[in-house]
Amino acid sequence: MKILYVNNDGGGFADHIEIQDGTSVAQLFSQRVTNGKPSDYLIRVNRQPAASDQLLLPGDRVTFTPVKIEGA
């Protein structure tokens, strides 16, 4: 299934990506953010705070935004 993934870490980008059905927010985070902890990010699905066990649905908009930006 396809979702819109917005990575606000560093330069940031947005892209439609394919993920497996039944993927949770925590699973996507561990796949996409290899050197970070969830507690260091504001994690949202469709602009709403998301639980780690929330399952993603086709067309969801997922954003991972760091709470602390290095050098700022």
PDB file of N, CA and C in Angstrom:
ATOM      1  N   MET A   1       0.839  -1.172   0.000  1.00  0.00           N
ATOM      2  CA  MET A   1       0.000   0.000   0.000  1.00  0.00           C
ATOM      3  C   MET A   1       0.886   1.238   0.000  1.00  0.00           C
ATOM      4  N   LYS A   2       0.340   2.357  -0.444  1.00  0.00           N
ATOM      5  CA  LYS A   2       1.094   3.604  -0.526  1.00  0.00           C
ATOM      6  C   LYS A   2       0.677   4.574   0.569  1.00  0.00           C
ATOM      7  N   ILE A   3       1.699   5.242   1.151  1.00  0.00           N
ATOM      8  CA  ILE A   3       1.470   6.326   2.101  1.00  0.00           C
ATOM      9  C   ILE A   3       2.354   7.492   1.691  1.00  0.00           C
ATOM     10  N   LEU A   4       2.066   8.674   2.233  1.00  0.00           N
ATOM     11  CA  LEU A   4       2.938   9.825   2.036  1.00  0.00           C
ATOM     12  C   LEU A   4       3.823   9.927   3.264  1.00  0.00           C
ATOM     13  N   TYR A   5       5.129   9.854   3.062  1.00  0.00           N
ATOM     14  CA  TYR A   5       6.092   9.909   4.154  1.00  0.00           C
ATOM     15  C   TYR A   5       6.835  11.230   4.067  1.00  0.00           C
ATOM     16  N   VAL A   6       6.774  12.017   5.146  1.00  0.00           N
ATOM     17  CA  VAL A   6       7.458  13.302   5.210  1.00  0.00           C
ATOM     18  C   VAL A   6       8.544  13.192   6.270  1.00  0.00           C
ATOM     19  N   ASN A   7       9.792  13.310   5.845  1.00  0.00           N
ATOM     20  CA  ASN A   7      10.924  13.255   6.767  1.00  0.00           C
ATOM     21  C   ASN A   7      11.407  14.674   6.987  1.00  0.00           C
ATOM     22  N   ASN A   8      11.201  15.197   8.190  1.00  0.00           N
ATOM     23  CA  ASN A   8      11.616  16.559   8.506  1.00  0.00           C
ATOM     24  C   ASN A   8      12.970  16.590   9.198  1.00  0.00           C
ATOM     25  N   ASP A   9      13.735  15.540   9.082  1.00  0.00           N
ATOM     26  CA  ASP A   9      15.059  15.457   9.694  1.00  0.00           C
ATOM     27  C   ASP A   9      16.079  15.983   8.688  1.00  0.00           C
ATOM     28  N   GLY A  10      16.858  16.971   9.090  1.00  0.00           N
ATOM     29  CA  GLY A  10      17.840  17.531   8.161  1.00  0.00           C
ATOM     30  C   GLY A  10      17.161  18.353   7.081  1.00  0.00           C
ATOM     31  N   GLY A  11      17.467  18.047   5.819  1.00  0.00           N
ATOM     32  CA  GLY A  11      16.899  18.771   4.689  1.00  0.00           C
ATOM     33  C   GLY A  11      15.426  18.500   4.517  1.00  0.00           C
ATOM     34  N   GLY A  12      15.007  17.320   4.882  1.00  0.00           N
ATOM     35  CA  GLY A  12      13.596  16.949   4.776  1.00  0.00           C
ATOM     36  C   GLY A  12      13.179  16.632   3.361  1.00  0.00           C
ATOM     37  N   PHE A  13      12.209  15.787   3.214  1.00  0.00           N
ATOM     38  CA  PHE A  13      11.643  15.440   1.921  1.00  0.00           C
ATOM     39  C   PHE A  13      10.292  14.796   2.132  1.00  0.00           C
ATOM     40  N   ALA A  14       9.513  14.763   1.080  1.00  0.00           N
ATOM     41  CA  ALA A  14       8.217  14.084   1.113  1.00  0.00           C
ATOM     42  C   ALA A  14       8.163  13.171  -0.096  1.00  0.00           C
ATOM     43  N   ASP A  15       7.636  11.974   0.100  1.00  0.00           N
ATOM     44  CA  ASP A  15       7.563  11.023  -1.000  1.00  0.00           C
ATOM     45  C   ASP A  15       6.495   9.984  -0.710  1.00  0.00           C
ATOM     46  N   HIS A  16       5.848   9.540  -1.754  1.00  0.00           N
ATOM     47  CA  HIS A  16       4.923   8.413  -1.607  1.00  0.00           C
ATOM     48  C   HIS A  16       5.772   7.148  -1.576  1.00  0.00           C
ATOM     49  N   ILE A  17       5.572   6.328  -0.558  1.00  0.00           N
ATOM     50  CA  ILE A  17       6.344   5.093  -0.425  1.00  0.00           C
ATOM     51  C   ILE A  17       5.398   3.905  -0.318  1.00  0.00           C
ATOM     52  N   GLU A  18       5.898   2.753  -0.694  1.00  0.00           N
ATOM     53  CA  GLU A  18       5.156   1.494  -0.565  1.00  0.00           C
ATOM     54  C   GLU A  18       5.557   0.835   0.751  1.00  0.00           C
ATOM     55  N   ILE A  19       4.566   0.431   1.532  1.00  0.00           N
ATOM     56  CA  ILE A  19       4.818  -0.323   2.758  1.00  0.00           C
ATOM     57  C   ILE A  19       3.892  -1.536   2.768  1.00  0.00           C
ATOM     58  N   GLN A  20       4.225  -2.499   3.598  1.00  0.00           N
ATOM     59  CA  GLN A  20       3.399  -3.702   3.708  1.00  0.00           C
ATOM     60  C   GLN A  20       2.135  -3.403   4.501  1.00  0.00           C
ATOM     61  N   ASP A  21       1.047  -4.069   4.153  1.00  0.00           N
ATOM     62  CA  ASP A  21      -0.175  -3.982   4.944  1.00  0.00           C
ATOM     63  C   ASP A  21       0.131  -4.422   6.365  1.00  0.00           C
ATOM     64  N   GLY A  22      -0.458  -3.759   7.340  1.00  0.00           N
ATOM     65  CA  GLY A  22      -0.243  -4.129   8.735  1.00  0.00           C
ATOM     66  C   GLY A  22       0.984  -3.497   9.355  1.00  0.00           C
ATOM     67  N   THR A  23       1.627  -2.549   8.668  1.00  0.00           N
ATOM     68  CA  THR A  23       2.794  -1.873   9.220  1.00  0.00           C
ATOM     69  C   THR A  23       2.348  -0.873  10.282  1.00  0.00           C
ATOM     70  N   SER A  24       3.012  -0.904  11.431  1.00  0.00           N
ATOM     71  CA  SER A  24       2.684   0.034  12.505  1.00  0.00           C
ATOM     72  C   SER A  24       3.587   1.265  12.406  1.00  0.00           C
ATOM     73  N   VAL A  25       3.226   2.289  13.140  1.00  0.00           N
ATOM     74  CA  VAL A  25       4.029   3.510  13.184  1.00  0.00           C
ATOM     75  C   VAL A  25       5.440   3.186  13.695  1.00  0.00           C
ATOM     76  N   ALA A  26       5.539   2.364  14.735  1.00  0.00           N
ATOM     77  CA  ALA A  26       6.843   2.003  15.302  1.00  0.00           C
ATOM     78  C   ALA A  26       7.703   1.249  14.291  1.00  0.00           C
ATOM     79  N   GLN A  27       7.102   0.370  13.519  1.00  0.00           N
ATOM     80  CA  GLN A  27       7.860  -0.376  12.513  1.00  0.00           C
ATOM     81  C   GLN A  27       8.386   0.559  11.431  1.00  0.00           C
ATOM     82  N   LEU A  28       7.550   1.483  10.967  1.00  0.00           N
ATOM     83  CA  LEU A  28       7.995   2.432   9.950  1.00  0.00           C
ATOM     84  C   LEU A  28       9.109   3.311  10.497  1.00  0.00           C
ATOM     85  N   PHE A  29       8.975   3.750  11.742  1.00  0.00           N
ATOM     86  CA  PHE A  29      10.013   4.583  12.348  1.00  0.00           C
ATOM     87  C   PHE A  29      11.350   3.839  12.371  1.00  0.00           C
ATOM     88  N   SER A  30      11.340   2.594  12.805  1.00  0.00           N
ATOM     89  CA  SER A  30      12.603   1.837  12.889  1.00  0.00           C
ATOM     90  C   SER A  30      13.204   1.575  11.515  1.00  0.00           C
ATOM     91  N   GLN A  31      12.376   1.489  10.482  1.00  0.00           N
ATOM     92  CA  GLN A  31      12.876   1.285   9.114  1.00  0.00           C
ATOM     93  C   GLN A  31      13.474   2.563   8.542  1.00  0.00           C
ATOM     94  N   ARG A  32      12.870   3.704   8.850  1.00  0.00           N
ATOM     95  CA  ARG A  32      13.247   4.967   8.216  1.00  0.00           C
ATOM     96  C   ARG A  32      14.226   5.817   9.014  1.00  0.00           C
ATOM     97  N   VAL A  33      14.199   5.715  10.343  1.00  0.00           N
ATOM     98  CA  VAL A  33      15.088   6.516  11.192  1.00  0.00           C
ATOM     99  C   VAL A  33      16.014   5.541  11.900  1.00  0.00           C
ATOM    100  N   THR A  34      17.163   5.312  11.302  1.00  0.00           N
ATOM    101  CA  THR A  34      18.058   4.270  11.814  1.00  0.00           C
ATOM    102  C   THR A  34      18.869   4.707  13.030  1.00  0.00           C
ATOM    103  N   ASN A  35      19.130   6.001  13.181  1.00  0.00           N
ATOM    104  CA  ASN A  35      19.970   6.462  14.291  1.00  0.00           C
ATOM    105  C   ASN A  35      19.232   7.404  15.217  1.00  0.00           C
ATOM    106  N   GLY A  36      17.970   7.134  15.483  1.00  0.00           N
ATOM    107  CA  GLY A  36      17.210   8.020  16.351  1.00  0.00           C
ATOM    108  C   GLY A  36      16.298   7.252  17.281  1.00  0.00           C
ATOM    109  N   LYS A  37      15.853   7.948  18.322  1.00  0.00           N
ATOM    110  CA  LYS A  37      14.905   7.371  19.269  1.00  0.00           C
ATOM    111  C   LYS A  37      13.559   8.048  19.068  1.00  0.00           C
ATOM    112  N   PRO A  38      12.470   7.306  19.165  1.00  0.00           N
ATOM    113  CA  PRO A  38      11.153   7.909  19.002  1.00  0.00           C
ATOM    114  C   PRO A  38      10.898   9.079  19.960  1.00  0.00           C
ATOM    115  N   SER A  39      11.495   9.041  21.139  1.00  0.00           N
ATOM    116  CA  SER A  39      11.275  10.124  22.111  1.00  0.00           C
ATOM    117  C   SER A  39      11.880  11.453  21.646  1.00  0.00           C
ATOM    118  N   ASP A  40      12.772  11.396  20.662  1.00  0.00           N
ATOM    119  CA  ASP A  40      13.401  12.605  20.128  1.00  0.00           C
ATOM    120  C   ASP A  40      12.640  13.183  18.936  1.00  0.00           C
ATOM    121  N   TYR A  41      11.490  12.594  18.605  1.00  0.00           N
ATOM    122  CA  TYR A  41      10.727  13.008  17.427  1.00  0.00           C
ATOM    123  C   TYR A  41       9.262  13.250  17.772  1.00  0.00           C
ATOM    124  N   LEU A  42       8.679  14.200  17.054  1.00  0.00           N
ATOM    125  CA  LEU A  42       7.233  14.387  17.070  1.00  0.00           C
ATOM    126  C   LEU A  42       6.713  13.530  15.923  1.00  0.00           C
ATOM    127  N   ILE A  43       5.938  12.516  16.250  1.00  0.00           N
ATOM    128  CA  ILE A  43       5.468  11.547  15.250  1.00  0.00           C
ATOM    129  C   ILE A  43       3.972  11.740  15.066  1.00  0.00           C
ATOM    130  N   ARG A  44       3.588  12.013  13.818  1.00  0.00           N
ATOM    131  CA  ARG A  44       2.175  12.282  13.521  1.00  0.00           C
ATOM    132  C   ARG A  44       1.707  11.482  12.316  1.00  0.00           C
ATOM    133  N   VAL A  45       0.439  11.114  12.352  1.00  0.00           N
ATOM    134  CA  VAL A  45      -0.231  10.475  11.216  1.00  0.00           C
ATOM    135  C   VAL A  45      -1.442  11.345  10.899  1.00  0.00           C
ATOM    136  N   ASN A  46      -1.503  11.820   9.661  1.00  0.00           N
ATOM    137  CA  ASN A  46      -2.587  12.708   9.232  1.00  0.00           C
ATOM    138  C   ASN A  46      -2.716  13.922  10.148  1.00  0.00           C
ATOM    139  N   ARG A  47      -1.553  14.470  10.523  1.00  0.00           N
ATOM    140  CA  ARG A  47      -1.432  15.681  11.339  1.00  0.00           C
ATOM    141  C   ARG A  47      -1.875  15.510  12.787  1.00  0.00           C
ATOM    142  N   GLN A  48      -2.101  14.275  13.220  1.00  0.00           N
ATOM    143  CA  GLN A  48      -2.503  13.994  14.598  1.00  0.00           C
ATOM    144  C   GLN A  48      -1.422  13.153  15.280  1.00  0.00           C
ATOM    145  N   PRO A  49      -1.173  13.369  16.589  1.00  0.00           N
ATOM    146  CA  PRO A  49      -0.214  12.522  17.302  1.00  0.00           C
ATOM    147  C   PRO A  49      -0.605  11.047  17.145  1.00  0.00           C
ATOM    148  N   ALA A  50       0.407  10.196  17.000  1.00  0.00           N
ATOM    149  CA  ALA A  50       0.150   8.777  16.727  1.00  0.00           C
ATOM    150  C   ALA A  50       0.728   7.897  17.821  1.00  0.00           C
ATOM    151  N   ALA A  51       0.026   6.817  18.112  1.00  0.00           N
ATOM    152  CA  ALA A  51       0.530   5.800  19.036  1.00  0.00           C
ATOM    153  C   ALA A  51       1.486   4.890  18.281  1.00  0.00           C
ATOM    154  N   SER A  52       2.426   4.318  18.990  1.00  0.00           N
ATOM    155  CA  SER A  52       3.430   3.472  18.325  1.00  0.00           C
ATOM    156  C   SER A  52       2.813   2.232  17.688  1.00  0.00           C
ATOM    157  N   ASP A  53       1.710   1.732  18.262  1.00  0.00           N
ATOM    158  CA  ASP A  53       1.098   0.515  17.722  1.00  0.00           C
ATOM    159  C   ASP A  53       0.003   0.800  16.686  1.00  0.00           C
ATOM    160  N   GLN A  54      -0.169   2.074  16.340  1.00  0.00           N
ATOM    161  CA  GLN A  54      -1.183   2.425  15.338  1.00  0.00           C
ATOM    162  C   GLN A  54      -0.805   1.837  13.982  1.00  0.00           C
ATOM    163  N   LEU A  55      -1.749   1.137  13.364  1.00  0.00           N
ATOM    164  CA  LEU A  55      -1.506   0.567  12.042  1.00  0.00           C
ATOM    165  C   LEU A  55      -1.764   1.622  10.982  1.00  0.00           C
ATOM    166  N   LEU A  56      -0.886   1.659   9.993  1.00  0.00           N
ATOM    167  CA  LEU A  56      -1.018   2.631   8.917  1.00  0.00           C
ATOM    168  C   LEU A  56      -1.990   2.126   7.862  1.00  0.00           C
ATOM    169  N   LEU A  57      -2.699   3.070   7.256  1.00  0.00           N
ATOM    170  CA  LEU A  57      -3.698   2.760   6.240  1.00  0.00           C
ATOM    171  C   LEU A  57      -3.300   3.412   4.920  1.00  0.00           C
ATOM    172  N   PRO A  58      -3.790   2.887   3.791  1.00  0.00           N
ATOM    173  CA  PRO A  58      -3.459   3.489   2.503  1.00  0.00           C
ATOM    174  C   PRO A  58      -3.823   4.979   2.486  1.00  0.00           C
ATOM    175  N   GLY A  59      -2.902   5.787   1.980  1.00  0.00           N
ATOM    176  CA  GLY A  59      -3.134   7.219   1.867  1.00  0.00           C
ATOM    177  C   GLY A  59      -2.785   8.021   3.108  1.00  0.00           C
ATOM    178  N   ASP A  60      -2.354   7.366   4.203  1.00  0.00           N
ATOM    179  CA  ASP A  60      -1.966   8.100   5.406  1.00  0.00           C
ATOM    180  C   ASP A  60      -0.780   9.011   5.108  1.00  0.00           C
ATOM    181  N   ARG A  61      -0.714  10.119   5.852  1.00  0.00           N
ATOM    182  CA  ARG A  61       0.405  11.066   5.769  1.00  0.00           C
ATOM    183  C   ARG A  61       1.161  10.960   7.080  1.00  0.00           C
ATOM    184  N   VAL A  62       2.411  10.491   7.024  1.00  0.00           N
ATOM    185  CA  VAL A  62       3.210  10.246   8.228  1.00  0.00           C
ATOM    186  C   VAL A  62       4.372  11.231   8.265  1.00  0.00           C
ATOM    187  N   THR A  63       4.550  11.908   9.416  1.00  0.00           N
ATOM    188  CA  THR A  63       5.664  12.836   9.564  1.00  0.00           C
ATOM    189  C   THR A  63       6.481  12.493  10.808  1.00  0.00           C
ATOM    190  N   PHE A  64       7.790  12.552  10.661  1.00  0.00           N
ATOM    191  CA  PHE A  64       8.737  12.393  11.764  1.00  0.00           C
ATOM    192  C   PHE A  64       9.533  13.694  11.850  1.00  0.00           C
ATOM    193  N   THR A  65       9.294  14.484  12.885  1.00  0.00           N
ATOM    194  CA  THR A  65       9.950  15.778  13.033  1.00  0.00           C
ATOM    195  C   THR A  65      10.796  15.767  14.308  1.00  0.00           C
ATOM    196  N   PRO A  66      12.105  16.014  14.193  1.00  0.00           N
ATOM    197  CA  PRO A  66      12.928  16.024  15.400  1.00  0.00           C
ATOM    198  C   PRO A  66      12.530  17.173  16.318  1.00  0.00           C
ATOM    199  N   VAL A  67      12.563  16.909  17.636  1.00  0.00           N
ATOM    200  CA  VAL A  67      12.217  17.958  18.586  1.00  0.00           C
ATOM    201  C   VAL A  67      13.415  18.869  18.825  1.00  0.00           C
ATOM    202  N   LYS A  68      14.598  18.328  18.694  1.00  0.00           N
ATOM    203  CA  LYS A  68      15.821  19.112  18.859  1.00  0.00           C
ATOM    204  C   LYS A  68      16.590  19.048  17.545  1.00  0.00           C
ATOM    205  N   ILE A  69      16.975  20.215  17.060  1.00  0.00           N
ATOM    206  CA  ILE A  69      17.723  20.270  15.812  1.00  0.00           C
ATOM    207  C   ILE A  69      19.157  20.654  16.148  1.00  0.00           C
ATOM    208  N   GLU A  70      20.104  19.816  15.709  1.00  0.00           N
ATOM    209  CA  GLU A  70      21.505  20.077  16.007  1.00  0.00           C
ATOM    210  C   GLU A  70      21.950  21.388  15.391  1.00  0.00           C
ATOM    211  N   GLY A  71      22.716  22.144  16.168  1.00  0.00           N
ATOM    212  CA  GLY A  71      23.251  23.415  15.680  1.00  0.00           C
ATOM    213  C   GLY A  71      22.292  24.580  15.863  1.00  0.00           C
ATOM    214  N   ALA A  72      21.107  24.307  16.374  1.00  0.00           N
ATOM    215  CA  ALA A  72      20.140  25.408  16.559  1.00  0.00           C
ATOM    216  C   ALA A  72      20.042  25.787  18.016  1.00  0.00           C
TER     217      ALA A  72
END
